[in-house]
């Protein structure tokens, strides 16, 4: 997730958007704060994505694009 997030951040010269990387082993409260503050792209590991969904920190109702790798 970190590597993908860095790659996406490098594309910022083409537009202004916020990217948040979320993954296990890192402070979930800090990750949730970053999401609450606003972001355009979330790069996540599967487990952390499920955790955030269960906590109500993210919702997929307005999701426009999904990329699974």
Protein backbone atom coordinates (compact mmCIF):
# COMPACT_ATOMS: atom_id res chain seq x y z
CA UNK A 1 0.00 0.00 0.00
CA UNK A 2 2.83 2.41 0.80
CA UNK A 3 4.58 1.80 -2.53
CA UNK A 4 1.39 2.28 -4.54
CA UNK A 5 0.57 5.41 -2.57
CA UNK A 6 3.99 6.88 -3.36
CA UNK A 7 3.55 6.11 -7.05
CA UNK A 8 0.17 7.83 -7.09
CA UNK A 9 1.59 10.82 -5.20
CA UNK A 10 4.19 11.19 -7.95
CA UNK A 11 1.33 11.80 -10.41
CA UNK A 12 0.21 14.89 -8.50
CA UNK A 13 1.84 17.15 -11.08
CA UNK A 14 -1.18 16.37 -13.29
CA UNK A 15 -3.78 17.28 -10.68
CA UNK A 16 -4.42 18.19 -7.10
CA UNK A 17 -5.70 15.22 -5.14
CA UNK A 18 -5.17 13.66 -1.74
CA UNK A 19 -4.00 10.06 -1.36
CA UNK A 20 -4.23 8.12 1.91
CA UNK A 21 -2.49 4.77 2.37
CA UNK A 22 -4.11 2.50 4.97
CA UNK A 23 -2.63 -0.80 6.12
CA UNK A 24 -2.33 -2.94 9.21
CA UNK A 25 0.43 -2.40 11.73
CA UNK A 26 -0.01 1.35 11.55
CA UNK A 27 -2.12 3.63 13.76
CA UNK A 28 -5.71 3.16 12.58
CA UNK A 29 -6.88 6.29 14.41
CA UNK A 30 -4.40 8.40 12.45
CA UNK A 31 -5.48 6.75 9.20
CA UNK A 32 -9.14 7.41 10.04
CA UNK A 33 -8.33 11.05 10.79
CA UNK A 34 -6.68 11.46 7.40
CA UNK A 35 -9.71 9.95 5.68
CA UNK A 36 -12.06 12.23 7.67
CA UNK A 37 -9.97 15.24 6.68
CA UNK A 38 -10.73 14.36 3.06
CA UNK A 39 -9.09 12.31 0.39
CA UNK A 40 -9.66 11.44 -3.24
CA UNK A 41 -7.83 8.10 -3.36
CA UNK A 42 -7.47 5.42 -0.70
CA UNK A 43 -4.80 2.75 -1.19
CA UNK A 44 -5.46 -0.12 1.19
CA UNK A 45 -4.60 -3.65 2.10
CA UNK A 46 -7.67 -5.94 2.15
CA UNK A 47 -7.73 -6.48 5.92
CA UNK A 48 -7.49 -2.80 6.80
CA UNK A 49 -10.16 -1.95 4.21
CA UNK A 50 -12.56 -4.41 5.86
CA UNK A 51 -11.69 -3.01 9.29
CA UNK A 52 -12.41 0.56 8.16
CA UNK A 53 -15.69 -0.51 6.54
CA UNK A 54 -16.81 -2.27 9.72
CA UNK A 55 -15.96 0.81 11.80
CA UNK A 56 -17.93 3.03 9.43
CA UNK A 57 -14.83 5.09 8.66
CA UNK A 58 -15.39 4.69 4.92
CA UNK A 59 -18.43 3.99 2.80
CA UNK A 60 -18.44 2.63 -0.71
CA UNK A 61 -21.73 4.23 -1.79
CA UNK A 62 -19.99 6.99 -3.77
CA UNK A 63 -17.18 4.83 -5.08
CA UNK A 64 -16.44 5.58 -8.74
CA UNK A 65 -13.44 3.36 -9.52
CA UNK A 66 -12.04 0.20 -7.92
CA UNK A 67 -8.69 -1.32 -8.75
CA UNK A 68 -7.74 -4.70 -7.29
CA UNK A 69 -4.25 -6.10 -7.58
